Amino acid sequence: MGREVCETAQAMNRLRAVLFPALGVLALALAACNDSSTADTSTETSGSSQGDGDGDTTTTGDGDGDTTTGDGDGDPATGDGDGEPGCTPGELNCECNDGLCLGDLECVGGVCVADECIPGELGCACNGGQCLGDLECVADVCTEPGGDGDGDGGDGDGDNDFCPAPNEKWCDGMCVDVWANNDNCGECGVECSVKQQGVGECVDGDCTPTWSECISEEDGMGMNCDDICALSGQTCVQNSCGMGGWSVIRANLLSSCNLGNGEAATAPCDFVLNWPASNVGCCCTQ
């Protein structure tokens, strides 16, 4: 009996020597499994999420190493993936910076775009004074054939495309006050016949009455101012020339009379003229 007990005890010792090391290996394996379950590179077998392979602790990232779901370029925003934070105002294809753009860019619809106006095309600058096709170069801008007729060198709508003031128009390469310019009165190229100060000048865009071409007594005997003004296709304006409001100018020298230098007088437009001087002119419209 004592011998059997001893043999049983020896067998149990041998079993313990084999079993305990195996349990230690199993414990280490279980610990390793627990550590790896927290790494982002594993995939859950029964869960609903999956890692992204970037080594951060989020389970649904973008693979760039930051903690947000972005675009994978390393910046925190969801942008274009180039590492830049976004479009800089004022640059090409970016929003305008208070209506301004860098360099030669233009602000169109709140976005900076390249100036695509090609010299020589309609509405663009002339190319060395030339335009494509039938377009004409007017005030260094290519316009439809014949121009637009409004004198502003613009688009034909009658407004002042190049001049800041409402009373100005683009005439002969410059902005002109057409309300007071004797060479461009009301419109470009409309000239007033100014004989002397206050006679025939441009006022509020209209040429005021002026002296007609003077005629000699021989040619004008029996005529009145209506007749004399009609010779140039104009109408007599009674007592409307000069500061004194005259109707007739008379002088012995024809050249002086045509300059408005002579004796001025008042008379009705239908009054038959007498000839105290050799030459007479009348106050007429322009």
C-alpha atoms as a PDB file:
ATOM      1  CA  MET A   1       0.000   0.000   0.000  1.00  0.00           C
ATOM      2  CA  GLY A   2       2.695   2.446   0.903  1.00  0.00           C
ATOM      3  CA  ARG A   3       4.506   1.614  -2.285  1.00  0.00           C
ATOM      4  CA  GLU A   4       1.396   2.366  -4.432  1.00  0.00           C
ATOM      5  CA  VAL A   5       0.971   5.750  -2.781  1.00  0.00           C
ATOM      6  CA  CYS A   6       4.530   6.640  -3.537  1.00  0.00           C
ATOM      7  CA  GLU A   7       4.197   5.632  -7.182  1.00  0.00           C
ATOM      8  CA  THR A   8       1.000   7.726  -7.536  1.00  0.00           C
ATOM      9  CA  ALA A   9       2.722  10.788  -6.042  1.00  0.00           C
ATOM     10  CA  GLN A  10       5.630  10.423  -8.403  1.00  0.00           C
ATOM     11  CA  ALA A  11       3.251  10.254 -11.420  1.00  0.00           C
ATOM     12  CA  MET A  12       1.477  13.454 -10.368  1.00  0.00           C
ATOM     13  CA  ASN A  13       4.793  15.286 -10.063  1.00  0.00           C
ATOM     14  CA  ARG A  14       5.712  14.268 -13.590  1.00  0.00           C
ATOM     15  CA  LEU A  15       2.305  15.506 -14.889  1.00  0.00           C
ATOM     16  CA  ARG A  16       2.711  18.839 -13.095  1.00  0.00           C
ATOM     17  CA  ALA A  17       6.126  19.370 -14.712  1.00  0.00           C
ATOM     18  CA  VAL A  18       4.560  19.006 -18.174  1.00  0.00           C
ATOM     19  CA  LEU A  19       1.269  20.810 -17.592  1.00  0.00           C
ATOM     20  CA  PHE A  20       2.396  24.061 -15.896  1.00  0.00           C
ATOM     21  CA  PRO A  21       4.821  25.249 -18.645  1.00  0.00           C
ATOM     22  CA  ALA A  22       2.071  24.689 -21.230  1.00  0.00           C
ATOM     23  CA  LEU A  23      -0.324  26.830 -19.233  1.00  0.00           C
ATOM     24  CA  GLY A  24       2.294  29.581 -19.087  1.00  0.00           C
ATOM     25  CA  VAL A  25       2.651  29.601 -22.866  1.00  0.00           C
ATOM     26  CA  LEU A  26      -1.133  29.731 -23.228  1.00  0.00           C
ATOM     27  CA  ALA A  27      -1.316  32.753 -20.893  1.00  0.00           C
ATOM     28  CA  LEU A  28       1.287  34.618 -22.929  1.00  0.00           C
ATOM     29  CA  ALA A  29      -0.561  33.894 -26.151  1.00  0.00           C
ATOM     30  CA  LEU A  30      -3.795  35.219 -24.702  1.00  0.00           C
ATOM     31  CA  ALA A  31      -2.061  38.424 -23.567  1.00  0.00           C
ATOM     32  CA  ALA A  32      -0.658  38.985 -27.038  1.00  0.00           C
ATOM     33  CA  CYS A  33      -4.102  38.570 -28.551  1.00  0.00           C
ATOM     34  CA  ASN A  34      -5.532  41.193 -26.179  1.00  0.00           C
ATOM     35  CA  ASP A  35      -2.815  43.719 -27.088  1.00  0.00           C
ATOM     36  CA  SER A  36      -3.237  43.288 -30.827  1.00  0.00           C
ATOM     37  CA  SER A  37      -7.005  43.841 -30.654  1.00  0.00           C
ATOM     38  CA  THR A  38      -6.407  47.534 -29.901  1.00  0.00           C
ATOM     39  CA  ALA A  39      -4.125  48.153 -32.888  1.00  0.00           C
ATOM     40  CA  ASP A  40      -5.609  49.961 -35.869  1.00  0.00           C
ATOM     41  CA  THR A  41      -4.129  47.449 -38.329  1.00  0.00           C
ATOM     42  CA  SER A  42      -6.453  44.583 -37.235  1.00  0.00           C
ATOM     43  CA  THR A  43      -9.844  43.778 -38.545  1.00  0.00           C
ATOM     44  CA  GLU A  44     -12.696  42.827 -36.239  1.00  0.00           C
ATOM     45  CA  THR A  45     -14.202  39.467 -37.079  1.00  0.00           C
ATOM     46  CA  SER A  46     -17.556  40.086 -35.510  1.00  0.00           C
ATOM     47  CA  GLY A  47     -17.698  43.914 -35.196  1.00  0.00           C
ATOM     48  CA  SER A  48     -19.039  46.561 -37.644  1.00  0.00           C
ATOM     49  CA  SER A  49     -15.915  48.742 -38.206  1.00  0.00           C
ATOM     50  CA  GLN A  50     -12.645  48.320 -40.048  1.00  0.00           C
ATOM     51  CA  GLY A  51      -9.223  50.032 -39.698  1.00  0.00           C
ATOM     52  CA  ASP A  52      -7.638  52.279 -42.330  1.00  0.00           C
ATOM     53  CA  GLY A  53      -4.036  51.174 -42.081  1.00  0.00           C
ATOM     54  CA  ASP A  54      -2.555  54.554 -41.096  1.00  0.00           C
ATOM     55  CA  GLY A  55      -1.479  53.650 -37.579  1.00  0.00           C
ATOM     56  CA  ASP A  56      -3.722  56.130 -35.752  1.00  0.00           C
ATOM     57  CA  THR A  57      -6.329  55.052 -33.227  1.00  0.00           C
ATOM     58  CA  THR A  58      -9.365  55.843 -35.327  1.00  0.00           C
ATOM     59  CA  THR A  59     -11.079  52.973 -37.024  1.00  0.00           C
ATOM     60  CA  THR A  60     -12.406  54.932 -40.001  1.00  0.00           C
ATOM     61  CA  GLY A  61      -9.783  57.443 -41.103  1.00  0.00           C
ATOM     62  CA  ASP A  62      -8.275  58.532 -44.379  1.00  0.00           C
ATOM     63  CA  GLY A  63      -4.896  56.825 -44.170  1.00  0.00           C
ATOM     64  CA  ASP A  64      -2.817  60.008 -43.796  1.00  0.00           C
ATOM     65  CA  GLY A  65      -1.948  59.763 -40.110  1.00  0.00           C
ATOM     66  CA  ASP A  66      -4.086  62.632 -38.817  1.00  0.00           C
ATOM     67  CA  THR A  67      -7.106  62.055 -36.632  1.00  0.00           C
ATOM     68  CA  THR A  68      -9.767  63.363 -38.993  1.00  0.00           C
ATOM     69  CA  THR A  69     -11.553  61.919 -41.943  1.00  0.00           C
ATOM     70  CA  GLY A  70     -10.090  64.229 -44.552  1.00  0.00           C
ATOM     71  CA  ASP A  71      -8.647  63.832 -47.996  1.00  0.00           C
ATOM     72  CA  GLY A  72      -5.479  61.899 -47.228  1.00  0.00           C
ATOM     73  CA  ASP A  73      -3.020  64.756 -47.794  1.00  0.00           C
ATOM     74  CA  GLY A  74      -2.091  65.417 -44.185  1.00  0.00           C
ATOM     75  CA  ASP A  75      -4.006  68.660 -43.674  1.00  0.00           C
ATOM     76  CA  PRO A  76      -7.040  68.601 -41.368  1.00  0.00           C
ATOM     77  CA  ALA A  77      -9.564  69.682 -43.971  1.00  0.00           C
ATOM     78  CA  THR A  78     -11.362  67.734 -46.623  1.00  0.00           C
ATOM     79  CA  GLY A  79      -9.900  69.524 -49.617  1.00  0.00           C
ATOM     80  CA  ASP A  80      -8.174  68.540 -52.794  1.00  0.00           C
ATOM     81  CA  GLY A  81      -5.440  66.277 -51.450  1.00  0.00           C
ATOM     82  CA  ASP A  82      -2.544  68.616 -52.302  1.00  0.00           C
ATOM     83  CA  GLY A  83      -1.626  69.553 -48.756  1.00  0.00           C
ATOM     84  CA  GLU A  84      -2.830  73.154 -49.180  1.00  0.00           C
ATOM     85  CA  PRO A  85      -5.604  74.496 -46.963  1.00  0.00           C
ATOM     86  CA  GLY A  86      -7.700  75.930 -49.840  1.00  0.00           C
ATOM     87  CA  CYS A  87      -8.092  78.611 -52.598  1.00  0.00           C
ATOM     88  CA  THR A  88      -6.437  81.955 -51.827  1.00  0.00           C
ATOM     89  CA  PRO A  89      -8.704  84.965 -52.583  1.00  0.00           C
ATOM     90  CA  GLY A  90      -7.375  87.004 -55.502  1.00  0.00           C
ATOM     91  CA  GLU A  91      -5.680  84.100 -57.262  1.00  0.00           C
ATOM     92  CA  LEU A  92      -6.736  82.459 -60.522  1.00  0.00           C
ATOM     93  CA  ASN A  93     -10.141  80.741 -60.285  1.00  0.00           C
ATOM     94  CA  CYS A  94     -10.463  81.786 -56.618  1.00  0.00           C
ATOM     95  CA  GLU A  95     -12.905  84.285 -55.185  1.00  0.00           C
ATOM     96  CA  CYS A  96     -12.043  87.963 -55.606  1.00  0.00           C
ATOM     97  CA  ASN A  97     -10.403  89.784 -52.715  1.00  0.00           C
ATOM     98  CA  ASP A  98     -12.808  92.683 -52.125  1.00  0.00           C
ATOM     99  CA  GLY A  99     -13.346  92.897 -55.876  1.00  0.00           C
ATOM    100  CA  LEU A 100      -9.609  92.744 -56.666  1.00  0.00           C
ATOM    101  CA  CYS A 101      -7.392  90.088 -58.244  1.00  0.00           C
ATOM    102  CA  LEU A 102      -3.653  89.530 -58.525  1.00  0.00           C
ATOM    103  CA  GLY A 103      -1.701  90.689 -61.572  1.00  0.00           C
ATOM    104  CA  ASP A 104      -3.700  90.888 -64.802  1.00  0.00           C
ATOM    105  CA  LEU A 105      -6.552  88.739 -63.514  1.00  0.00           C
ATOM    106  CA  GLU A 106     -10.029  90.207 -63.645  1.00  0.00           C
ATOM    107  CA  CYS A 107     -12.864  89.862 -61.141  1.00  0.00           C
ATOM    108  CA  VAL A 108     -15.870  88.469 -63.020  1.00  0.00           C
ATOM    109  CA  GLY A 109     -18.872  87.286 -61.062  1.00  0.00           C
ATOM    110  CA  GLY A 110     -16.862  87.312 -57.853  1.00  0.00           C
ATOM    111  CA  VAL A 111     -14.190  84.963 -59.270  1.00  0.00           C
ATOM    112  CA  CYS A 112     -10.695  85.890 -60.519  1.00  0.00           C
ATOM    113  CA  VAL A 113     -10.338  84.875 -64.169  1.00  0.00           C
ATOM    114  CA  ALA A 114      -7.764  85.481 -66.884  1.00  0.00           C
ATOM    115  CA  ASP A 115      -8.388  88.300 -69.345  1.00  0.00           C
ATOM    116  CA  GLU A 116      -9.418  86.367 -72.422  1.00  0.00           C
ATOM    117  CA  CYS A 117     -10.056  89.398 -74.643  1.00  0.00           C
ATOM    118  CA  ILE A 118      -7.968  88.798 -77.755  1.00  0.00           C
ATOM    119  CA  PRO A 119      -6.748  91.973 -79.535  1.00  0.00           C
ATOM    120  CA  GLY A 120      -8.517  92.364 -82.850  1.00  0.00           C
ATOM    121  CA  GLU A 121     -11.756  90.668 -81.803  1.00  0.00           C
ATOM    122  CA  LEU A 122     -15.104  92.403 -81.287  1.00  0.00           C
ATOM    123  CA  GLY A 123     -15.099  94.589 -78.201  1.00  0.00           C
ATOM    124  CA  CYS A 124     -11.357  94.086 -77.660  1.00  0.00           C
ATOM    125  CA  ALA A 125      -8.431  96.422 -78.277  1.00  0.00           C
ATOM    126  CA  CYS A 126      -7.284  96.832 -81.855  1.00  0.00           C
ATOM    127  CA  ASN A 127      -4.240  94.829 -82.897  1.00  0.00           C
ATOM    128  CA  GLY A 128      -1.852  97.435 -84.242  1.00  0.00           C
ATOM    129  CA  GLY A 129      -4.814  99.438 -85.509  1.00  0.00           C
ATOM    130  CA  GLN A 130      -6.328  96.381 -87.220  1.00  0.00           C
ATOM    131  CA  CYS A 131      -9.352  94.187 -86.439  1.00  0.00           C
ATOM    132  CA  LEU A 132     -10.468  90.742 -87.584  1.00  0.00           C
ATOM    133  CA  GLY A 133     -12.808  90.345 -90.524  1.00  0.00           C
ATOM    134  CA  ASP A 134     -15.098  93.293 -91.204  1.00  0.00           C
ATOM    135  CA  LEU A 135     -14.635  94.844 -87.762  1.00  0.00           C
ATOM    136  CA  GLU A 136     -13.436  98.423 -87.609  1.00  0.00           C
ATOM    137  CA  CYS A 137     -10.950  99.985 -85.228  1.00  0.00           C
ATOM    138  CA  VAL A 138     -12.690 102.929 -83.504  1.00  0.00           C
ATOM    139  CA  ALA A 139     -10.912 104.673 -80.622  1.00  0.00           C
ATOM    140  CA  ASP A 140      -8.568 101.637 -80.449  1.00  0.00           C
ATOM    141  CA  VAL A 141     -11.534  99.288 -79.908  1.00  0.00           C
ATOM    142  CA  CYS A 142     -12.813  96.814 -82.505  1.00  0.00           C
ATOM    143  CA  THR A 143     -16.473  97.561 -83.306  1.00  0.00           C
ATOM    144  CA  GLU A 144     -19.084  96.480 -85.824  1.00  0.00           C
ATOM    145  CA  PRO A 145     -18.696  97.942 -89.334  1.00  0.00           C
ATOM    146  CA  GLY A 146     -19.746 101.575 -89.438  1.00  0.00           C
ATOM    147  CA  GLY A 147     -19.251 102.033 -85.695  1.00  0.00           C
ATOM    148  CA  ASP A 148     -22.067 102.295 -83.231  1.00  0.00           C
ATOM    149  CA  GLY A 149     -22.999 105.897 -83.972  1.00  0.00           C
ATOM    150  CA  ASP A 150     -23.095 107.114 -80.405  1.00  0.00           C
ATOM    151  CA  GLY A 151     -19.617 108.603 -80.372  1.00  0.00           C
ATOM    152  CA  ASP A 152     -18.467 106.872 -77.232  1.00  0.00           C
ATOM    153  CA  GLY A 153     -16.349 104.163 -78.849  1.00  0.00           C
ATOM    154  CA  GLY A 154     -18.320 101.576 -76.928  1.00  0.00           C
ATOM    155  CA  ASP A 155     -20.975  98.982 -77.526  1.00  0.00           C
ATOM    156  CA  GLY A 156     -23.678 101.024 -79.194  1.00  0.00           C
ATOM    157  CA  ASP A 157     -25.977 101.493 -76.230  1.00  0.00           C
ATOM    158  CA  GLY A 158     -25.379 105.240 -76.063  1.00  0.00           C
ATOM    159  CA  ASP A 159     -23.780 105.288 -72.637  1.00  0.00           C
ATOM    160  CA  ASN A 160     -20.300 106.467 -71.850  1.00  0.00           C
ATOM    161  CA  ASP A 161     -18.319 103.246 -71.602  1.00  0.00           C
ATOM    162  CA  PHE A 162     -14.949 104.946 -71.178  1.00  0.00           C
ATOM    163  CA  CYS A 163     -15.763 108.321 -69.596  1.00  0.00           C
ATOM    164  CA  PRO A 164     -16.587 108.861 -65.913  1.00  0.00           C
ATOM    165  CA  ALA A 165     -18.930 111.882 -66.178  1.00  0.00           C
ATOM    166  CA  PRO A 166     -22.440 111.592 -67.671  1.00  0.00           C
ATOM    167  CA  ASN A 167     -21.895 114.728 -69.811  1.00  0.00           C
ATOM    168  CA  GLU A 168     -18.749 113.280 -71.410  1.00  0.00           C
ATOM    169  CA  LYS A 169     -18.254 111.165 -74.508  1.00  0.00           C
ATOM    170  CA  TRP A 170     -15.217 109.521 -76.059  1.00  0.00           C
ATOM    171  CA  CYS A 171     -14.287 111.813 -78.969  1.00  0.00           C
ATOM    172  CA  ASP A 172     -11.006 111.680 -80.893  1.00  0.00           C
ATOM    173  CA  GLY A 173      -9.318 109.530 -78.262  1.00  0.00           C
ATOM    174  CA  MET A 174     -10.340 111.537 -75.210  1.00  0.00           C
ATOM    175  CA  CYS A 175     -13.269 112.227 -72.918  1.00  0.00           C
ATOM    176  CA  VAL A 176     -14.989 115.457 -73.948  1.00  0.00           C
ATOM    177  CA  ASP A 177     -17.662 117.513 -72.176  1.00  0.00           C
ATOM    178  CA  VAL A 178     -20.216 117.536 -74.981  1.00  0.00           C
ATOM    179  CA  TRP A 179     -22.404 119.982 -73.046  1.00  0.00           C
ATOM    180  CA  ALA A 180     -19.874 122.774 -73.479  1.00  0.00           C
ATOM    181  CA  ASN A 181     -17.384 121.802 -76.206  1.00  0.00           C
ATOM    182  CA  ASN A 182     -17.642 123.943 -79.325  1.00  0.00           C
ATOM    183  CA  ASP A 183     -16.089 121.213 -81.515  1.00  0.00           C
ATOM    184  CA  ASN A 184     -18.196 118.370 -80.098  1.00  0.00           C
ATOM    185  CA  CYS A 185     -21.480 119.897 -79.001  1.00  0.00           C
ATOM    186  CA  GLY A 186     -24.039 117.305 -77.896  1.00  0.00           C
ATOM    187  CA  GLU A 187     -22.336 114.669 -80.047  1.00  0.00           C
ATOM    188  CA  CYS A 188     -18.830 114.017 -81.275  1.00  0.00           C
ATOM    189  CA  GLY A 189     -17.980 116.060 -84.351  1.00  0.00           C
ATOM    190  CA  VAL A 190     -20.825 118.598 -84.064  1.00  0.00           C
ATOM    191  CA  GLU A 191     -19.069 121.961 -84.446  1.00  0.00           C
ATOM    192  CA  CYS A 192     -20.557 125.262 -83.387  1.00  0.00           C
ATOM    193  CA  SER A 193     -19.946 128.347 -85.514  1.00  0.00           C
ATOM    194  CA  VAL A 194     -18.592 130.773 -82.918  1.00  0.00           C
ATOM    195  CA  LYS A 195     -18.231 134.286 -84.321  1.00  0.00           C
ATOM    196  CA  GLN A 196     -17.366 136.045 -81.066  1.00  0.00           C
ATOM    197  CA  GLN A 197     -17.671 135.458 -77.342  1.00  0.00           C
ATOM    198  CA  GLY A 198     -21.247 134.648 -76.425  1.00  0.00           C
ATOM    199  CA  VAL A 199     -22.320 134.164 -80.048  1.00  0.00           C
ATOM    200  CA  GLY A 200     -22.716 130.604 -81.326  1.00  0.00           C
ATOM    201  CA  GLU A 201     -21.139 128.852 -78.347  1.00  0.00           C
ATOM    202  CA  CYS A 202     -22.092 125.371 -77.094  1.00  0.00           C
ATOM    203  CA  VAL A 203     -24.426 125.625 -74.106  1.00  0.00           C
ATOM    204  CA  ASP A 204     -26.007 122.543 -72.494  1.00  0.00           C
ATOM    205  CA  GLY A 205     -25.170 120.448 -75.538  1.00  0.00           C
ATOM    206  CA  ASP A 206     -26.689 122.800 -78.126  1.00  0.00           C
ATOM    207  CA  CYS A 207     -25.075 125.383 -80.386  1.00  0.00           C
ATOM    208  CA  THR A 208     -26.594 128.774 -79.614  1.00  0.00           C
ATOM    209  CA  PRO A 209     -27.699 131.122 -82.446  1.00  0.00           C
ATOM    210  CA  THR A 210     -24.897 132.760 -84.405  1.00  0.00           C
ATOM    211  CA  TRP A 211     -24.334 135.263 -87.179  1.00  0.00           C
ATOM    212  CA  SER A 212     -24.983 134.134 -90.725  1.00  0.00           C
ATOM    213  CA  GLU A 213     -22.532 134.644 -93.541  1.00  0.00           C
ATOM    214  CA  CYS A 214     -22.755 138.299 -94.437  1.00  0.00           C
ATOM    215  CA  ILE A 215     -23.993 139.381 -97.852  1.00  0.00           C
ATOM    216  CA  SER A 216     -23.406 142.573 -99.732  1.00  0.00           C
ATOM    217  CA  GLU A 217     -25.974 145.243-100.432  1.00  0.00           C
ATOM    218  CA  GLU A 218     -25.891 144.295-104.085  1.00  0.00           C
ATOM    219  CA  ASP A 219     -26.850 140.671-103.338  1.00  0.00           C
ATOM    220  CA  GLY A 220     -29.266 141.351-100.501  1.00  0.00           C
ATOM    221  CA  MET A 221     -31.268 144.367-101.593  1.00  0.00           C
ATOM    222  CA  GLY A 222     -34.956 143.919-100.594  1.00  0.00           C
ATOM    223  CA  MET A 223     -34.266 140.906 -98.332  1.00  0.00           C
ATOM    224  CA  ASN A 224     -35.063 140.435 -94.634  1.00  0.00           C
ATOM    225  CA  CYS A 225     -33.355 138.213 -92.041  1.00  0.00           C
ATOM    226  CA  ASP A 226     -35.721 135.333 -92.737  1.00  0.00           C
ATOM    227  CA  ASP A 227     -34.461 135.377 -96.320  1.00  0.00           C
ATOM    228  CA  ILE A 228     -30.794 135.675 -95.375  1.00  0.00           C
ATOM    229  CA  CYS A 229     -30.912 132.809 -92.832  1.00  0.00           C
ATOM    230  CA  ALA A 230     -32.755 130.602 -95.320  1.00  0.00           C
ATOM    231  CA  LEU A 231     -29.788 130.890 -97.702  1.00  0.00           C
ATOM    232  CA  SER A 232     -27.822 128.596 -95.361  1.00  0.00           C
ATOM    233  CA  GLY A 233     -30.795 126.398 -94.466  1.00  0.00           C
ATOM    234  CA  GLN A 234     -31.276 128.027 -91.059  1.00  0.00           C
ATOM    235  CA  THR A 235     -34.001 130.037 -89.354  1.00  0.00           C
ATOM    236  CA  CYS A 236     -33.868 133.607 -88.132  1.00  0.00           C
ATOM    237  CA  VAL A 237     -33.858 134.021 -84.346  1.00  0.00           C
ATOM    238  CA  GLN A 238     -34.932 137.495 -83.366  1.00  0.00           C
ATOM    239  CA  ASN A 239     -32.778 139.413 -80.892  1.00  0.00           C
ATOM    240  CA  SER A 240     -30.819 136.336 -79.761  1.00  0.00           C
ATOM    241  CA  CYS A 241     -27.190 136.918 -80.694  1.00  0.00           C
ATOM    242  CA  GLY A 242     -24.633 138.338 -78.283  1.00  0.00           C
ATOM    243  CA  MET A 243     -25.009 139.685 -74.800  1.00  0.00           C
ATOM    244  CA  GLY A 244     -27.199 142.513 -76.025  1.00  0.00           C
ATOM    245  CA  GLY A 245     -29.647 140.294 -77.849  1.00  0.00           C
ATOM    246  CA  TRP A 246     -29.117 141.504 -81.409  1.00  0.00           C
ATOM    247  CA  SER A 247     -30.681 140.473 -84.720  1.00  0.00           C
ATOM    248  CA  VAL A 248     -28.436 142.170 -87.316  1.00  0.00           C
ATOM    249  CA  ILE A 249     -24.683 142.766 -87.734  1.00  0.00           C
ATOM    250  CA  ARG A 250     -23.422 145.369 -90.229  1.00  0.00           C
ATOM    251  CA  ALA A 251     -19.919 146.276 -91.402  1.00  0.00           C
ATOM    252  CA  ASN A 252     -18.249 147.855 -94.395  1.00  0.00           C
ATOM    253  CA  LEU A 253     -15.600 145.140 -94.611  1.00  0.00           C
ATOM    254  CA  LEU A 254     -16.950 141.700 -95.509  1.00  0.00           C
ATOM    255  CA  SER A 255     -14.202 139.947 -93.523  1.00  0.00           C
ATOM    256  CA  SER A 256     -15.043 141.952 -90.397  1.00  0.00           C
ATOM    257  CA  CYS A 257     -18.752 141.307 -90.808  1.00  0.00           C
ATOM    258  CA  ASN A 258     -18.172 137.542 -91.080  1.00  0.00           C
ATOM    259  CA  LEU A 259     -16.175 137.619 -87.836  1.00  0.00           C
ATOM    260  CA  GLY A 260     -19.018 139.355 -86.053  1.00  0.00           C
ATOM    261  CA  ASN A 261     -17.149 142.620 -85.835  1.00  0.00           C
ATOM    262  CA  GLY A 262     -19.387 145.517 -86.712  1.00  0.00           C
ATOM    263  CA  GLU A 263     -22.443 147.445 -85.637  1.00  0.00           C
ATOM    264  CA  ALA A 264     -25.172 145.283 -84.082  1.00  0.00           C
ATOM    265  CA  ALA A 265     -28.847 146.182 -84.115  1.00  0.00           C
ATOM    266  CA  THR A 266     -32.264 144.758 -83.330  1.00  0.00           C
ATOM    267  CA  ALA A 267     -34.934 144.119 -85.944  1.00  0.00           C
ATOM    268  CA  PRO A 268     -37.837 141.747 -86.590  1.00  0.00           C
ATOM    269  CA  CYS A 269     -36.933 138.739 -88.736  1.00  0.00           C
ATOM    270  CA  ASP A 270     -39.381 139.839 -91.460  1.00  0.00           C
ATOM    271  CA  PHE A 271     -38.192 143.448 -91.530  1.00  0.00           C
ATOM    272  CA  VAL A 272     -36.812 144.476 -94.938  1.00  0.00           C
ATOM    273  CA  LEU A 273     -33.252 145.550 -94.297  1.00  0.00           C
ATOM    274  CA  ASN A 274     -31.821 148.923 -95.090  1.00  0.00           C
ATOM    275  CA  TRP A 275     -28.099 149.176 -95.826  1.00  0.00           C
ATOM    276  CA  PRO A 276     -26.303 151.746 -93.734  1.00  0.00           C
ATOM    277  CA  ALA A 277     -23.205 149.571 -94.290  1.00  0.00           C
ATOM    278  CA  SER A 278     -22.002 147.576 -97.278  1.00  0.00           C
ATOM    279  CA  ASN A 279     -22.463 144.107 -95.709  1.00  0.00           C
ATOM    280  CA  VAL A 280     -25.127 142.636 -93.424  1.00  0.00           C
ATOM    281  CA  GLY A 281     -25.518 139.386 -91.456  1.00  0.00           C
ATOM    282  CA  CYS A 282     -28.454 138.078 -89.407  1.00  0.00           C
ATOM    283  CA  CYS A 283     -28.893 136.047 -86.231  1.00  0.00           C
ATOM    284  CA  CYS A 284     -29.754 132.461 -87.230  1.00  0.00           C
ATOM    285  CA  THR A 285     -30.046 128.987 -85.734  1.00  0.00           C
ATOM    286  CA  GLN A 286     -27.317 126.372 -86.181  1.00  0.00           C
END
